[in-house]
C-alpha cells in the first residue's frame, strides 16, 4: 500500500489593522520553565516613557524554532544586502515597569 506524503497547510487570515504592523526598536525577553515572553517596545528619543506595544508568549520549543528561523532569514538578508551593522554603543536604558495610566 502506497502512502502519499501530504504537506499540511494552514490558511492564514491577516486583519487589515494588524497588517499595518507595529514599529518596535526594543525587545525585552523573559522566560520561565514553560514559556518565553517577548515584549516589543517603541522607545523615542527625549520621551521618558515608552509603552509595550505587543507581547508575544511562546513555548520554549516555539521560541527555539523562531530563533532558528530568524537567524536563517538574517543570513539570507545579509547575503543579498550586505552585513547588518550593529550599533551597540548606545547608552544603557533604565527600565521601570509601571501600571497603565501612571505618569
N, C-alpha and C. Protein backbone atom coordinates (compact mmCIF):
# COMPACT_ATOMS: atom_id res chain seq x y z
N UNK A 1 0.83 -1.17 0.00
CA UNK A 1 0.00 0.00 0.00
C UNK A 1 0.88 1.24 0.00
N UNK A 2 0.62 2.15 -0.92
CA UNK A 2 1.39 3.37 -1.03
C UNK A 2 0.75 4.47 -0.20
N UNK A 3 1.60 5.26 0.43
CA UNK A 3 1.09 6.42 1.15
C UNK A 3 1.71 7.66 0.55
N UNK A 4 0.90 8.64 0.31
CA UNK A 4 1.39 9.90 -0.23
C UNK A 4 1.78 10.81 0.92
N UNK A 5 2.91 11.46 0.76
CA UNK A 5 3.38 12.40 1.77
C UNK A 5 2.69 13.74 1.53
N UNK A 6 1.66 14.00 2.29
CA UNK A 6 0.91 15.24 2.11
C UNK A 6 1.50 16.32 3.00
N UNK A 7 1.77 17.48 2.40
CA UNK A 7 2.22 18.61 3.18
C UNK A 7 1.00 19.27 3.80
N UNK A 8 1.10 19.56 5.07
CA UNK A 8 -0.01 20.24 5.71
C UNK A 8 0.06 21.72 5.38
N UNK A 9 -1.09 22.34 5.30
CA UNK A 9 -1.13 23.76 5.01
C UNK A 9 -2.12 24.42 5.95
N UNK A 10 -1.87 25.67 6.22
CA UNK A 10 -2.72 26.46 7.08
C UNK A 10 -3.16 27.68 6.32
N UNK A 11 -4.44 27.93 6.31
CA UNK A 11 -4.93 29.16 5.71
C UNK A 11 -4.81 30.27 6.74
N UNK A 12 -4.13 31.33 6.38
CA UNK A 12 -3.92 32.44 7.29
C UNK A 12 -4.83 33.60 6.94
N UNK A 13 -5.33 34.26 7.96
CA UNK A 13 -6.12 35.46 7.76
C UNK A 13 -5.38 36.60 8.44
N UNK A 14 -5.13 37.68 7.71
CA UNK A 14 -4.43 38.82 8.25
C UNK A 14 -5.38 40.00 8.26
N UNK A 15 -5.81 40.40 9.46
CA UNK A 15 -6.71 41.53 9.64
C UNK A 15 -6.06 42.79 9.07
N UNK A 16 -6.86 43.67 8.47
CA UNK A 16 -6.33 44.88 7.84
C UNK A 16 -5.56 45.76 8.82
N UNK A 17 -6.06 45.92 10.04
CA UNK A 17 -5.36 46.73 11.03
C UNK A 17 -4.05 46.08 11.46
N UNK A 18 -4.05 44.78 11.63
CA UNK A 18 -2.84 44.06 12.01
C UNK A 18 -1.81 44.09 10.89
N UNK A 19 -2.27 44.10 9.66
CA UNK A 19 -1.37 44.13 8.50
C UNK A 19 -0.53 45.39 8.46
N UNK A 20 -0.98 46.47 9.10
CA UNK A 20 -0.22 47.72 9.15
C UNK A 20 1.06 47.56 9.95
N UNK A 21 1.06 46.60 10.89
CA UNK A 21 2.24 46.35 11.70
C UNK A 21 2.39 47.35 12.83
N UNK A 22 3.31 47.05 13.73
CA UNK A 22 3.64 47.91 14.85
C UNK A 22 5.14 48.05 14.90
N UNK A 23 5.62 49.28 14.90
CA UNK A 23 7.06 49.54 14.93
C UNK A 23 7.61 49.27 16.33
N UNK A 24 8.76 48.62 16.39
CA UNK A 24 9.44 48.36 17.65
C UNK A 24 10.93 48.52 17.44
N UNK A 25 11.58 49.21 18.40
CA UNK A 25 13.03 49.33 18.33
C UNK A 25 13.70 48.80 19.61
N UNK A 26 12.91 48.07 20.39
CA UNK A 26 13.44 47.43 21.60
C UNK A 26 12.59 46.20 21.89
N UNK A 27 13.25 45.11 22.22
CA UNK A 27 12.53 43.90 22.63
C UNK A 27 13.15 43.41 23.94
N UNK A 28 12.31 43.11 24.89
CA UNK A 28 12.75 42.53 26.16
C UNK A 28 12.27 41.10 26.21
N UNK A 29 13.14 40.20 26.63
CA UNK A 29 12.80 38.78 26.66
C UNK A 29 12.97 38.24 28.07
N UNK A 30 11.93 37.60 28.57
CA UNK A 30 11.97 36.93 29.86
C UNK A 30 11.49 35.50 29.64
N UNK A 31 11.81 34.62 30.58
CA UNK A 31 11.36 33.24 30.41
C UNK A 31 11.16 32.58 31.76
N UNK A 32 10.34 31.55 31.73
CA UNK A 32 10.16 30.64 32.86
C UNK A 32 10.44 29.25 32.30
N UNK A 33 10.19 28.22 33.08
CA UNK A 33 10.42 26.86 32.57
C UNK A 33 9.42 26.49 31.48
N UNK A 34 8.29 27.19 31.42
CA UNK A 34 7.25 26.78 30.47
C UNK A 34 6.99 27.76 29.34
N UNK A 35 7.57 28.97 29.40
CA UNK A 35 7.27 29.94 28.34
C UNK A 35 8.33 31.02 28.23
N UNK A 36 8.41 31.59 27.04
CA UNK A 36 9.22 32.77 26.77
C UNK A 36 8.25 33.92 26.53
N UNK A 37 8.53 35.07 27.12
CA UNK A 37 7.70 36.25 26.94
C UNK A 37 8.56 37.32 26.27
N UNK A 38 8.10 37.79 25.12
CA UNK A 38 8.82 38.82 24.37
C UNK A 38 7.94 40.06 24.33
N UNK A 39 8.44 41.15 24.92
CA UNK A 39 7.75 42.43 24.88
C UNK A 39 8.41 43.31 23.83
N UNK A 40 7.62 43.82 22.89
CA UNK A 40 8.10 44.71 21.85
C UNK A 40 7.72 46.13 22.23
N UNK A 41 8.71 47.03 22.22
CA UNK A 41 8.55 48.38 22.73
C UNK A 41 9.05 49.37 21.69
N UNK A 42 8.43 50.55 21.66
CA UNK A 42 8.88 51.65 20.81
C UNK A 42 9.39 52.75 21.72
N UNK A 43 10.72 52.93 21.75
CA UNK A 43 11.36 53.96 22.58
C UNK A 43 11.70 55.13 21.67
N UNK A 44 11.23 56.32 22.03
CA UNK A 44 11.50 57.51 21.24
C UNK A 44 12.47 58.42 21.98
N UNK A 45 13.43 59.00 21.28
CA UNK A 45 14.39 59.90 21.93
C UNK A 45 13.68 61.07 22.59
N UNK A 46 14.12 61.41 23.79
CA UNK A 46 13.56 62.55 24.50
C UNK A 46 12.23 62.30 25.18
N UNK A 47 11.68 61.12 25.01
CA UNK A 47 10.41 60.78 25.65
C UNK A 47 10.71 59.85 26.81
N UNK A 48 10.40 60.26 28.04
CA UNK A 48 10.79 59.48 29.21
C UNK A 48 9.98 58.21 29.44
N UNK A 49 8.87 58.05 28.74
CA UNK A 49 8.02 56.88 28.97
C UNK A 49 7.76 56.18 27.64
N UNK A 50 7.86 54.87 27.66
CA UNK A 50 7.58 54.06 26.47
C UNK A 50 6.60 52.97 26.86
N UNK A 51 5.70 52.63 25.94
CA UNK A 51 4.72 51.59 26.21
C UNK A 51 5.11 50.30 25.50
N UNK A 52 4.78 49.21 26.14
CA UNK A 52 4.90 47.92 25.47
C UNK A 52 3.81 47.91 24.39
N UNK A 53 4.20 47.72 23.15
CA UNK A 53 3.26 47.75 22.03
C UNK A 53 2.67 46.39 21.74
N UNK A 54 3.44 45.34 22.06
CA UNK A 54 2.96 43.98 21.80
C UNK A 54 3.70 43.02 22.70
N UNK A 55 3.00 42.00 23.17
CA UNK A 55 3.62 40.95 23.98
C UNK A 55 3.30 39.62 23.31
N UNK A 56 4.35 38.86 23.04
CA UNK A 56 4.19 37.54 22.43
C UNK A 56 4.69 36.50 23.42
N UNK A 57 3.88 35.48 23.66
CA UNK A 57 4.24 34.41 24.60
C UNK A 57 4.41 33.12 23.79
N UNK A 58 5.56 32.49 23.95
CA UNK A 58 5.91 31.30 23.18
C UNK A 58 6.29 30.16 24.10
N UNK A 59 6.04 28.94 23.67
CA UNK A 59 6.59 27.79 24.37
C UNK A 59 8.09 27.76 24.11
N UNK A 60 8.88 27.10 24.96
CA UNK A 60 10.31 27.00 24.68
C UNK A 60 10.62 26.41 23.30
N UNK A 61 9.84 25.42 22.88
CA UNK A 61 10.06 24.80 21.58
C UNK A 61 9.81 25.81 20.45
N UNK A 62 8.73 26.59 20.55
CA UNK A 62 8.45 27.58 19.52
C UNK A 62 9.47 28.71 19.55
N UNK A 63 9.94 29.08 20.74
CA UNK A 63 10.97 30.12 20.84
C UNK A 63 12.24 29.67 20.12
N UNK A 64 12.61 28.41 20.28
CA UNK A 64 13.82 27.91 19.62
C UNK A 64 13.61 27.87 18.10
N UNK A 65 12.44 27.44 17.64
CA UNK A 65 12.15 27.43 16.20
C UNK A 65 12.16 28.85 15.64
N UNK A 66 11.60 29.79 16.42
CA UNK A 66 11.56 31.19 15.99
C UNK A 66 12.99 31.73 15.88
N UNK A 67 13.83 31.44 16.85
CA UNK A 67 15.22 31.88 16.83
C UNK A 67 15.94 31.34 15.59
N UNK A 68 15.73 30.07 15.31
CA UNK A 68 16.37 29.46 14.14
C UNK A 68 15.87 30.11 12.85
N UNK A 69 14.57 30.31 12.74
CA UNK A 69 14.01 30.93 11.54
C UNK A 69 14.50 32.37 11.37
N UNK A 70 14.58 33.12 12.47
CA UNK A 70 15.07 34.49 12.41
C UNK A 70 16.52 34.52 11.96
N UNK A 71 17.36 33.65 12.53
CA UNK A 71 18.77 33.58 12.13
C UNK A 71 18.92 33.23 10.66
N UNK A 72 18.11 32.28 10.16
CA UNK A 72 18.18 31.91 8.75
C UNK A 72 17.78 33.08 7.86
N UNK A 73 16.76 33.83 8.27
CA UNK A 73 16.32 34.98 7.48
C UNK A 73 17.34 36.10 7.51
N UNK A 74 17.99 36.32 8.65
CA UNK A 74 19.05 37.34 8.73
C UNK A 74 20.20 36.96 7.81
N UNK A 75 20.57 35.69 7.78
CA UNK A 75 21.64 35.23 6.89
C UNK A 75 21.29 35.49 5.43
N UNK A 76 20.06 35.16 5.03
CA UNK A 76 19.63 35.40 3.64
C UNK A 76 19.63 36.89 3.32
N UNK A 77 19.15 37.71 4.27
CA UNK A 77 19.14 39.16 4.09
C UNK A 77 20.56 39.68 3.86
N UNK A 78 21.50 39.25 4.71
CA UNK A 78 22.88 39.72 4.61
C UNK A 78 23.55 39.25 3.32
N UNK A 79 23.20 38.07 2.83
CA UNK A 79 23.76 37.61 1.55
C UNK A 79 23.31 38.52 0.41
N UNK A 80 22.08 39.01 0.49
CA UNK A 80 21.54 39.88 -0.56
C UNK A 80 21.91 41.34 -0.38
N UNK A 81 22.01 41.81 0.86
CA UNK A 81 22.11 43.24 1.13
C UNK A 81 23.38 43.66 1.86
N UNK A 82 24.22 42.73 2.23
CA UNK A 82 25.41 43.06 2.99
C UNK A 82 25.16 42.93 4.49
N UNK A 83 26.25 42.98 5.24
CA UNK A 83 26.17 42.77 6.68
C UNK A 83 25.35 43.86 7.36
N UNK A 84 24.54 43.45 8.29
CA UNK A 84 23.79 44.39 9.12
C UNK A 84 24.74 44.89 10.19
N UNK A 85 24.92 46.19 10.25
CA UNK A 85 25.83 46.78 11.24
C UNK A 85 25.14 46.83 12.60
N UNK A 86 25.88 46.50 13.64
CA UNK A 86 25.35 46.51 15.00
C UNK A 86 25.87 47.75 15.71
N UNK A 87 24.99 48.69 15.95
CA UNK A 87 25.37 49.92 16.65
C UNK A 87 25.06 49.74 18.13
N UNK A 88 25.84 48.92 18.78
CA UNK A 88 25.58 48.54 20.16
C UNK A 88 26.27 49.45 21.16
N UNK A 89 26.60 50.66 20.76
CA UNK A 89 27.30 51.57 21.66
C UNK A 89 26.35 52.63 22.21
N UNK A 90 25.09 52.27 22.36
CA UNK A 90 24.10 53.20 22.91
C UNK A 90 24.19 53.21 24.42
N UNK A 91 23.70 54.29 25.00
CA UNK A 91 23.65 54.39 26.46
C UNK A 91 22.69 53.33 26.99
N UNK A 92 23.00 52.75 28.13
CA UNK A 92 22.07 51.79 28.72
C UNK A 92 20.75 52.47 29.07
N UNK A 93 19.68 51.74 28.91
CA UNK A 93 18.34 52.26 29.20
C UNK A 93 17.88 51.68 30.52
N UNK A 94 17.44 52.54 31.41
CA UNK A 94 16.87 52.09 32.68
C UNK A 94 15.40 51.80 32.47
N UNK A 95 14.97 50.60 32.80
CA UNK A 95 13.59 50.20 32.59
C UNK A 95 12.85 50.08 33.91
N UNK A 96 11.73 50.76 33.99
CA UNK A 96 10.86 50.70 35.16
C UNK A 96 9.46 50.39 34.67
N UNK A 97 8.91 49.26 35.10
CA UNK A 97 7.57 48.90 34.69
C UNK A 97 6.56 49.48 35.64
N UNK A 98 5.68 50.35 35.12
CA UNK A 98 4.61 50.95 35.91
C UNK A 98 3.27 50.39 35.49
N UNK A 99 2.26 50.75 36.22
CA UNK A 99 0.91 50.32 35.89
C UNK A 99 0.35 51.20 34.78
N UNK A 100 -0.59 50.69 33.98
CA UNK A 100 -1.20 51.51 32.93
C UNK A 100 -1.78 52.78 33.53
N UNK A 101 -1.54 53.88 32.86
CA UNK A 101 -2.09 55.15 33.30
C UNK A 101 -1.18 55.92 34.25
N UNK A 102 -0.11 55.31 34.72
CA UNK A 102 0.82 56.01 35.61
C UNK A 102 1.67 56.98 34.82
N UNK A 103 1.99 58.09 35.39
CA UNK A 103 2.84 59.07 34.70
C UNK A 103 4.28 58.85 35.03
